[in-house]
Amino acid sequence: MSDTKQSLLVCGIMTGTSCDGIDFAAIDFNADGWAPRWEASQEYPKRLRQKVLELQKPGAKTSVAELYKLNRDLGLFYADVTEQLVRRLEADERPDVLALHGQTVGHFPAAQPGYTVQLGDPTWLARVTGITTVSHFREGDMTAGGQGAPLVPFFHYLLAEALDGAEVGVAVLNIGGIANFTYLGPKDTILASDTGPGNMLIDEAIREVTRGRQAYDDGGERAARGTVNTAFLKKALKHAYFKQPFPKSTGRDDFHAAFLKSARPKNLKGDDWIASVSALTVESIAQGVEKAIIKKKLPIRVLYVAGGGTQNNFLMDHLELRLSKWGISVLTLDDVGFSSQHIEAQAFAFLGYRSLLGLPVGGKWTGAQSFGPPGWITPGRNWSQILSKLPVEREKMPSLGTAGVARRIDLN
């Protein structure tokens, strides 16, 4: 663990909507600023992944006992893999705090008031590792009238000082299971929203076409061999979500296998099907940028992309082509020294730190109207040490220190 009074090493733990893996990212916070320290990833257990996906199918019937058993099992999974990772770290690399996003299984911002469900009992993490754990980040924002998502914009705002074009206007797009963006413009303007499906429907299509032999379209190769079906694209884009005003958020409750089936022409299959579903991700992102940024005449020079979607050449190439009409360059965060894959885990490390300071993790970009309570704190055996390391000036957040590339830890 970090050994100075002014330093806290916080590890963000992220499992996204795609349920394809668990990402860890540690950030060191001290009086001089903050800097990425290390990062790691591991695949999601297949059996556990299947249970999570089954729970989210439209019309799924689950008993209270089954729901909380899954909550326990996810907590045990997080605790086990984190404990194994911590044991492999040097003493000065071991985190002081864990910031657990949890596994989203339901997100209902349109309800009045909205509610959200992230499973994975944090008490198992705190008990097994002995490390103080912050979790349940989204509920507080929703009590303040926010969407509870996206929560990463404040972190993107801190990154802006290292991004070319930020003096004019840039956006950071995350293509995970769901795609979401943060716009950072003049006069500290911050806008953010989910645009719609990211990788999760593409994964659904690839699993169907390959009968489970492939979990994702590696490099977008299957989509590149196919032809986009415009009839499917037009019908899919009529989904009610795309008509909602910004900011907004979504999840598997809106975009699922039944939705794909309802919009799919009978003869659409194979690589053409994968290309068409991939094109839906591209077009929904492009339309989101157009409606939220271009039509409002907000300046934007560069779109920086993060998340698993950066590894899909079909998505990246078509997104670049689609946005070129507005003179927007498309780069990945890797291009400027950050980790595209681990940026969300880093963001939740940051939100974990804010929560320890009692500061909200959402803001006007989520639609929050007032103070929203931050993440829940589950003290570990080291809680008294954490209290002694927290800064006196709680409102002052550290700036980006030495950016650099975090050390990659191989868990395989």
Protein backbone atom coordinates (compact mmCIF):
# COMPACT_ATOMS: atom_id res chain seq x y z
CA MET A 1 0.00 0.00 0.00
CA SER A 2 1.09 3.57 -0.53
CA ASP A 3 3.13 4.72 2.45
CA THR A 4 2.91 8.50 2.53
CA LYS A 5 0.31 10.46 4.43
CA GLN A 6 -0.61 12.45 1.34
CA SER A 7 -0.88 9.49 -1.03
CA LEU A 8 -3.81 7.17 -1.69
CA LEU A 9 -3.68 4.36 -4.23
CA VAL A 10 -7.20 3.66 -5.48
CA CYS A 11 -7.99 0.72 -7.75
CA GLY A 12 -11.06 0.92 -9.99
CA ILE A 13 -12.74 -2.39 -10.80
CA MET A 14 -14.96 -2.43 -13.88
CA THR A 15 -17.21 -5.03 -15.48
CA GLY A 16 -19.29 -3.53 -18.26
CA THR A 17 -22.52 -4.34 -20.04
CA SER A 18 -20.77 -6.71 -22.45
CA CYS A 19 -19.80 -9.01 -19.54
CA ASP A 20 -16.62 -9.91 -21.43
CA GLY A 21 -14.05 -9.29 -18.70
CA ILE A 22 -13.00 -7.50 -15.54
CA ASP A 23 -10.65 -4.52 -15.74
CA PHE A 24 -8.50 -3.15 -12.91
CA ALA A 25 -6.79 0.25 -12.96
CA ALA A 26 -4.91 1.82 -10.06
CA ILE A 27 -4.42 5.58 -9.73
CA ASP A 28 -2.14 7.26 -7.22
CA PHE A 29 -3.59 10.43 -5.69
CA ASN A 30 -1.21 12.74 -3.83
CA ALA A 31 -0.48 16.40 -3.14
CA ASP A 32 1.26 16.78 -6.51
CA GLY A 33 -1.66 15.44 -8.52
CA TRP A 34 -2.66 12.02 -9.76
CA ALA A 35 -1.14 9.49 -12.12
CA PRO A 36 -1.99 6.00 -13.44
CA ARG A 37 0.03 3.33 -11.62
CA TRP A 38 -0.89 -0.07 -13.02
CA GLU A 39 -3.66 -1.93 -14.84
CA ALA A 40 -4.77 -5.51 -15.42
CA SER A 41 -7.59 -7.50 -17.02
CA GLN A 42 -9.09 -10.96 -16.80
CA GLU A 43 -11.80 -12.81 -18.66
CA TYR A 44 -15.30 -13.18 -17.20
CA PRO A 45 -16.13 -16.74 -16.07
CA LYS A 46 -18.45 -18.25 -18.71
CA ARG A 47 -20.94 -19.75 -16.28
CA LEU A 48 -21.26 -16.53 -14.28
CA ARG A 49 -21.56 -14.50 -17.48
CA GLN A 50 -24.41 -16.72 -18.65
CA LYS A 51 -26.27 -16.22 -15.38
CA VAL A 52 -25.94 -12.44 -15.69
CA LEU A 53 -27.20 -12.45 -19.29
CA GLU A 54 -30.09 -14.80 -18.51
CA LEU A 55 -31.27 -12.46 -15.76
CA GLN A 56 -31.47 -9.57 -18.25
CA LYS A 57 -33.54 -11.28 -20.92
CA PRO A 58 -36.93 -9.62 -21.49
CA GLY A 59 -39.57 -11.37 -19.39
CA ALA A 60 -37.02 -13.26 -17.30
CA LYS A 61 -38.46 -14.54 -14.03
CA THR A 62 -36.09 -14.58 -11.09
CA SER A 63 -36.85 -15.20 -7.44
CA VAL A 64 -35.47 -13.01 -4.68
CA ALA A 65 -33.30 -15.94 -3.58
CA GLU A 66 -31.84 -16.36 -7.09
CA LEU A 67 -31.19 -12.62 -7.45
CA TYR A 68 -29.31 -12.37 -4.18
CA LYS A 69 -27.44 -15.60 -4.81
CA LEU A 70 -26.12 -14.00 -8.00
CA ASN A 71 -25.28 -10.87 -5.99
CA ARG A 72 -23.30 -13.06 -3.59
CA ASP A 73 -21.60 -15.05 -6.37
CA LEU A 74 -20.50 -11.88 -8.15
CA GLY A 75 -19.19 -10.50 -4.84
CA LEU A 76 -17.21 -13.70 -4.30
CA PHE A 77 -15.86 -13.52 -7.87
CA TYR A 78 -14.72 -9.92 -7.44
CA ALA A 79 -13.18 -10.75 -4.07
CA ASP A 80 -11.36 -13.85 -5.29
CA VAL A 81 -9.81 -12.36 -8.43
CA THR A 82 -8.88 -9.13 -6.61
CA GLU A 83 -7.24 -11.02 -3.74
CA GLN A 84 -5.18 -13.05 -6.23
CA LEU A 85 -4.09 -9.85 -7.97
CA VAL A 86 -3.17 -8.06 -4.73
CA ARG A 87 -1.00 -10.97 -3.62
CA ARG A 88 1.06 -10.65 -6.81
CA LEU A 89 1.75 -6.95 -6.28
CA GLU A 90 4.73 -5.39 -4.55
CA ALA A 91 3.91 -3.82 -1.19
CA ASP A 92 3.99 -0.26 -2.55
CA GLU A 93 1.65 -1.24 -5.43
CA ARG A 94 -1.13 -2.65 -3.28
CA PRO A 95 -4.25 -0.45 -3.28
CA ASP A 96 -5.49 1.42 -0.25
CA VAL A 97 -9.03 1.57 -1.64
CA LEU A 98 -11.07 -0.48 -4.10
CA ALA A 99 -13.71 1.24 -6.24
CA LEU A 100 -16.14 -1.41 -7.45
CA HIS A 101 -18.58 -0.50 -10.22
CA GLY A 102 -20.41 -3.83 -9.97
CA GLN A 103 -22.33 -5.64 -12.69
CA THR A 104 -25.25 -3.68 -14.09
CA VAL A 105 -28.28 -5.92 -14.58
CA GLY A 106 -30.93 -3.21 -14.81
CA HIS A 107 -30.97 0.51 -15.48
CA PHE A 108 -34.28 2.41 -15.54
CA PRO A 109 -33.68 6.17 -15.69
CA ALA A 110 -37.07 6.90 -17.29
CA ALA A 111 -38.95 5.81 -14.18
CA GLN A 112 -40.03 8.62 -11.84
CA PRO A 113 -37.78 8.58 -9.92
CA GLY A 114 -35.28 6.41 -11.77
CA TYR A 115 -33.52 3.38 -10.34
CA THR A 116 -30.60 1.15 -11.24
CA VAL A 117 -29.21 -2.23 -10.17
CA GLN A 118 -25.52 -3.17 -9.96
CA LEU A 119 -24.84 -6.58 -8.44
CA GLY A 120 -21.73 -7.82 -6.63
CA ASP A 121 -21.75 -7.62 -2.84
CA PRO A 122 -18.90 -5.23 -1.88
CA THR A 123 -18.71 -6.62 1.64
CA TRP A 124 -17.01 -9.72 0.25
CA LEU A 125 -14.28 -7.55 -1.28
CA ALA A 126 -13.73 -5.65 1.97
CA ARG A 127 -13.82 -8.86 4.03
CA VAL A 128 -11.54 -11.02 1.87
CA THR A 129 -8.97 -8.37 0.93
CA GLY A 130 -9.20 -6.23 4.06
CA ILE A 131 -9.29 -3.18 1.78
CA THR A 132 -11.87 -0.41 2.15
CA THR A 133 -14.30 -0.63 -0.80
CA VAL A 134 -16.46 2.03 -2.46
CA SER A 135 -19.41 0.88 -4.56
CA HIS A 136 -22.97 1.75 -5.70
CA PHE A 137 -21.98 4.92 -7.51
CA ARG A 138 -25.11 5.51 -9.58
CA GLU A 139 -27.98 5.60 -7.07
CA GLY A 140 -27.03 8.92 -5.49
CA ASP A 141 -27.05 10.75 -8.82
CA MET A 142 -30.52 9.37 -9.56
CA THR A 143 -31.87 10.63 -6.23
CA ALA A 144 -30.85 14.11 -7.42
CA GLY A 145 -32.82 13.72 -10.65
CA GLY A 146 -29.91 12.50 -12.75
CA GLN A 147 -29.80 9.60 -15.19
CA GLY A 148 -27.15 7.83 -13.12
CA ALA A 149 -25.07 7.65 -16.31
CA PRO A 150 -22.70 8.34 -17.82
CA LEU A 151 -20.55 9.01 -14.76
CA VAL A 152 -17.13 9.24 -16.43
CA PRO A 153 -17.34 12.85 -17.81
CA PHE A 154 -15.66 14.48 -14.82
CA PHE A 155 -12.69 12.16 -15.33
CA HIS A 156 -12.66 12.95 -19.04
CA TYR A 157 -12.62 16.62 -18.06
CA LEU A 158 -9.42 16.03 -16.07
CA LEU A 159 -7.88 14.31 -19.10
CA ALA A 160 -8.65 17.28 -21.35
CA GLU A 161 -5.47 19.14 -20.43
CA ALA A 162 -3.51 16.35 -22.14
CA LEU A 163 -5.71 16.13 -25.26
CA ASP A 164 -4.87 17.95 -28.48
CA GLY A 165 -7.76 20.12 -29.65
CA ALA A 166 -9.21 20.61 -26.18
CA GLU A 167 -8.71 24.37 -26.44
CA VAL A 168 -11.30 24.33 -29.27
CA GLY A 169 -13.53 21.40 -28.39
CA VAL A 170 -13.18 17.62 -28.21
CA ALA A 171 -15.28 14.61 -27.32
CA VAL A 172 -14.32 11.35 -25.61
CA LEU A 173 -16.35 8.37 -26.83
CA ASN A 174 -16.40 5.07 -24.97
CA ILE A 175 -17.54 2.08 -27.01
CA GLY A 176 -18.19 -0.60 -24.45
CA GLY A 177 -21.37 -2.68 -24.33
CA ILE A 178 -23.14 0.67 -24.53
CA ALA A 179 -21.62 3.68 -26.31
CA ASN A 180 -21.43 7.01 -24.52
CA PHE A 181 -19.63 10.30 -25.09
CA THR A 182 -18.42 13.32 -23.18
CA TYR A 183 -18.15 16.66 -24.97
CA LEU A 184 -15.60 19.10 -23.54
CA GLY A 185 -15.93 22.58 -24.97
CA PRO A 186 -15.09 26.24 -24.33
CA LYS A 187 -15.81 27.84 -20.96
CA ASP A 188 -15.66 24.45 -19.19
CA THR A 189 -18.68 23.16 -21.13
CA ILE A 190 -19.39 19.50 -20.34
CA LEU A 191 -22.11 17.53 -22.11
CA ALA A 192 -22.50 13.77 -21.88
CA SER A 193 -24.90 11.01 -22.86
CA ASP A 194 -25.27 7.42 -23.93
CA THR A 195 -25.81 7.18 -27.68
CA GLY A 196 -27.13 3.61 -27.80
CA PRO A 197 -25.64 0.15 -28.34
CA GLY A 198 -21.90 -0.24 -28.53
CA ASN A 199 -20.45 -3.75 -28.72
CA MET A 200 -23.15 -5.78 -27.01
CA LEU A 201 -25.50 -6.26 -29.97
CA ILE A 202 -22.56 -7.02 -32.24
CA ASP A 203 -21.48 -9.69 -29.74
CA GLU A 204 -25.04 -11.03 -29.75
CA ALA A 205 -24.98 -11.28 -33.55
CA ILE A 206 -21.56 -12.94 -33.72
CA ARG A 207 -22.53 -15.55 -31.12
CA GLU A 208 -25.64 -16.38 -33.10
CA VAL A 209 -23.89 -16.58 -36.48
CA THR A 210 -21.03 -18.73 -35.13
CA ARG A 211 -23.30 -20.75 -32.81
CA GLY A 212 -21.29 -19.67 -29.82
CA ARG A 213 -17.86 -20.40 -31.27
CA GLN A 214 -16.97 -16.68 -31.27
CA ALA A 215 -17.81 -14.20 -28.53
CA TYR A 216 -16.96 -11.07 -30.53
CA ASP A 217 -16.03 -9.93 -34.04
CA ASP A 218 -12.24 -9.97 -33.81
CA GLY A 219 -10.96 -6.79 -35.44
CA GLY A 220 -14.33 -6.31 -37.14
CA GLU A 221 -13.27 -8.82 -39.80
CA ARG A 222 -16.67 -10.47 -40.21
CA ALA A 223 -18.43 -7.10 -40.53
CA ALA A 224 -15.87 -5.97 -43.12
CA ARG A 225 -16.76 -8.96 -45.31
CA GLY A 226 -20.48 -8.21 -45.15
CA THR A 227 -22.86 -5.70 -46.72
CA VAL A 228 -24.98 -3.38 -44.60
CA ASN A 229 -28.73 -3.90 -44.97
CA THR A 230 -30.27 -0.43 -45.10
CA ALA A 231 -33.79 -1.72 -44.41
CA PHE A 232 -32.66 -3.14 -41.08
CA LEU A 233 -30.74 0.01 -40.25
CA LYS A 234 -33.70 2.30 -40.94
CA LYS A 235 -36.07 0.17 -38.87
CA ALA A 236 -33.66 -0.23 -35.96
CA LEU A 237 -33.03 3.52 -35.81
CA LYS A 238 -36.76 4.06 -35.21
CA HIS A 239 -36.32 2.71 -31.69
CA ALA A 240 -37.90 5.13 -29.20
CA TYR A 241 -34.59 5.65 -27.41
CA PHE A 242 -33.07 7.47 -30.38
CA LYS A 243 -35.90 10.02 -30.25
CA GLN A 244 -35.36 10.91 -26.60
CA PRO A 245 -33.68 14.25 -25.80
CA PHE A 246 -30.15 14.47 -24.44
CA PRO A 247 -28.82 13.68 -21.87
CA LYS A 248 -30.07 10.12 -21.65
CA SER A 249 -28.85 6.66 -20.69
CA THR A 250 -29.68 3.12 -21.69
CA GLY A 251 -28.75 -0.54 -21.34
CA ARG A 252 -29.84 -4.09 -22.11
CA ASP A 253 -33.35 -3.19 -20.99
CA ASP A 254 -33.70 -1.25 -24.26
CA PHE A 255 -31.35 -3.10 -26.59
CA HIS A 256 -31.51 -6.88 -26.51
CA ALA A 257 -31.91 -9.94 -28.72
CA ALA A 258 -35.66 -9.45 -29.03
CA PHE A 259 -35.10 -5.92 -30.36
CA LEU A 260 -32.72 -7.26 -33.01
CA LYS A 261 -35.19 -9.93 -34.01
CA SER A 262 -38.01 -7.41 -34.42
CA ALA A 263 -35.99 -5.26 -36.84
CA ARG A 264 -34.29 -8.06 -38.79
CA PRO A 265 -35.40 -8.96 -42.35
CA LYS A 266 -35.90 -12.71 -42.80
CA ASN A 267 -33.12 -13.16 -45.36
CA LEU A 268 -30.45 -11.20 -43.44
CA LYS A 269 -27.77 -13.56 -42.12
CA GLY A 270 -24.05 -14.31 -41.84
CA ASP A 271 -21.54 -11.54 -42.36
CA ASP A 272 -24.22 -9.24 -43.76
CA TRP A 273 -26.06 -9.52 -40.44
CA ILE A 274 -22.93 -8.72 -38.46
CA ALA A 275 -22.13 -5.76 -40.75
CA SER A 276 -25.65 -4.40 -40.36
CA VAL A 277 -25.65 -4.62 -36.56
CA SER A 278 -22.18 -3.01 -36.51
CA ALA A 279 -23.47 -0.21 -38.74
CA LEU A 280 -26.23 0.45 -36.18
CA THR A 281 -23.57 1.22 -33.58
CA VAL A 282 -21.75 3.56 -35.97
CA GLU A 283 -24.87 5.38 -37.13
CA SER A 284 -26.36 5.81 -33.65
CA ILE A 285 -23.06 7.32 -32.46
CA ALA A 286 -22.86 9.64 -35.49
CA GLN A 287 -26.45 10.77 -35.06
CA GLY A 288 -25.82 11.38 -31.37
CA VAL A 289 -22.82 13.58 -32.18
CA GLU A 290 -24.86 15.43 -34.78
CA LYS A 291 -27.84 16.10 -32.53
CA ALA A 292 -25.98 16.88 -29.31
CA ILE A 293 -22.97 18.78 -30.68
CA ILE A 294 -23.12 19.74 -34.37
CA LYS A 295 -26.69 21.04 -34.46
CA LYS A 296 -26.00 23.10 -31.34
CA LYS A 297 -23.08 24.69 -33.22
CA LEU A 298 -20.60 23.57 -30.59
CA PRO A 299 -17.00 23.47 -31.86
CA ILE A 300 -15.33 20.06 -32.04
CA ARG A 301 -11.99 19.16 -33.52
CA VAL A 302 -11.25 15.60 -32.37
CA LEU A 303 -13.24 12.57 -31.20
CA TYR A 304 -11.10 10.39 -28.92
CA VAL A 305 -12.33 6.80 -28.71
CA ALA A 306 -11.88 4.36 -25.80
CA GLY A 307 -13.24 0.96 -24.87
CA GLY A 308 -13.26 -2.41 -26.59
CA GLY A 309 -14.69 -0.85 -29.75
CA THR A 310 -11.27 0.61 -30.54
CA GLN A 311 -10.19 -2.93 -31.48
CA ASN A 312 -12.94 -3.21 -34.11
CA ASN A 313 -11.56 -1.78 -37.37
CA PHE A 314 -15.00 -1.77 -39.00
CA LEU A 315 -16.36 0.51 -36.29
CA MET A 316 -13.33 2.80 -36.27
CA ASP A 317 -13.05 3.11 -40.07
CA HIS A 318 -16.75 3.73 -40.61
CA LEU A 319 -16.96 6.15 -37.72
CA GLU A 320 -14.05 8.15 -39.13
CA LEU A 321 -15.72 8.22 -42.55
CA ARG A 322 -19.08 9.20 -41.08
CA LEU A 323 -17.67 12.08 -39.01
CA SER A 324 -15.33 13.42 -41.70
CA LYS A 325 -18.19 15.45 -43.21
CA TRP A 326 -17.96 17.72 -40.15
CA GLY A 327 -14.16 17.87 -40.17
CA ILE A 328 -13.85 15.77 -37.01
CA SER A 329 -10.67 13.72 -36.61
CA VAL A 330 -10.99 10.31 -34.92
CA LEU A 331 -8.20 9.06 -32.64
CA THR A 332 -7.99 6.52 -29.83
CA LEU A 333 -6.89 7.46 -26.34
CA ASP A 334 -3.98 5.06 -26.88
CA ASP A 335 -2.77 7.48 -29.55
CA VAL A 336 -2.16 10.10 -26.86
CA GLY A 337 -0.70 7.89 -24.14
CA PHE A 338 -3.74 6.65 -22.23
CA SER A 339 -5.17 3.14 -22.06
CA SER A 340 -8.34 2.86 -24.13
CA GLN A 341 -9.26 -0.44 -22.51
CA HIS A 342 -8.81 0.69 -18.91
CA ILE A 343 -10.10 4.26 -19.03
CA GLU A 344 -13.42 3.37 -17.37
CA ALA A 345 -11.71 1.48 -14.57
CA GLN A 346 -9.49 4.54 -14.09
CA ALA A 347 -12.57 6.74 -14.03
CA PHE A 348 -14.14 4.70 -11.24
CA ALA A 349 -10.90 4.85 -9.28
CA PHE A 350 -11.31 8.63 -9.52
CA LEU A 351 -14.99 8.43 -8.52
CA GLY A 352 -14.00 6.24 -5.58
CA TYR A 353 -11.62 8.98 -4.45
CA ARG A 354 -14.34 11.62 -4.81
CA SER A 355 -16.69 9.46 -2.77
CA LEU A 356 -14.17 9.26 0.07
CA LEU A 357 -14.17 13.06 0.08
CA GLY A 358 -17.97 13.16 0.20
CA LEU A 359 -18.19 14.77 -3.25
CA PRO A 360 -20.88 13.89 -5.84
CA VAL A 361 -19.86 11.71 -8.78
CA GLY A 362 -22.49 13.03 -11.21
CA GLY A 363 -23.43 16.53 -12.25
CA LYS A 364 -25.35 18.63 -14.73
CA TRP A 365 -24.29 16.30 -17.57
CA THR A 366 -26.44 13.51 -16.08
CA GLY A 367 -29.35 15.85 -15.46
CA ALA A 368 -28.79 16.01 -11.69
CA GLN A 369 -30.53 19.03 -10.18
CA SER A 370 -28.72 19.16 -6.85
CA PHE A 371 -26.25 17.32 -4.64
CA GLY A 372 -26.33 13.57 -5.23
CA PRO A 373 -24.78 11.40 -2.49
CA PRO A 374 -21.62 9.66 -3.80
CA GLY A 375 -20.65 5.99 -3.63
CA TRP A 376 -21.24 3.78 -0.61
CA ILE A 377 -18.22 3.11 1.59
CA THR A 378 -17.64 -0.35 3.09
CA PRO A 379 -14.73 -0.02 5.54
CA GLY A 380 -12.02 -2.67 5.39
CA ARG A 381 -9.43 -3.51 8.03
CA ASN A 382 -7.46 -0.50 6.83
CA TRP A 383 -10.26 2.07 7.34
CA SER A 384 -8.48 4.01 10.11
CA GLN A 385 -5.43 4.35 7.84
CA ILE A 386 -7.64 5.71 5.04
CA LEU A 387 -9.10 8.34 7.34
CA SER A 388 -5.62 9.52 8.28
CA LYS A 389 -4.63 9.93 4.62
CA LEU A 390 -7.59 11.94 3.38
CA PRO A 391 -6.78 15.58 2.60
CA VAL A 392 -8.15 18.38 4.76
CA GLU A 393 -9.28 20.40 1.71
CA ARG A 394 -12.04 18.08 0.53
CA GLU A 395 -13.34 20.31 -2.28
CA LYS A 396 -9.98 20.60 -4.05
CA MET A 397 -9.38 17.80 -6.58
CA PRO A 398 -5.83 17.02 -7.74
CA SER A 399 -4.77 17.76 -11.31
CA LEU A 400 -3.12 15.38 -13.73
CA GLY A 401 0.44 14.70 -12.64
CA THR A 402 2.84 12.56 -14.60
CA ALA A 403 0.55 10.92 -17.15
CA GLY A 404 2.78 8.16 -18.49
CA VAL A 405 1.66 4.64 -19.28
CA ALA A 406 0.51 2.46 -16.40
CA ARG A 407 2.30 -0.82 -15.80
CA ARG A 408 0.41 -3.71 -17.38
CA ILE A 409 0.02 -6.76 -15.16
CA ASP A 410 -0.55 -10.12 -16.85
CA LEU A 411 -3.07 -12.19 -14.91
CA ASN A 412 -3.00 -15.20 -17.25
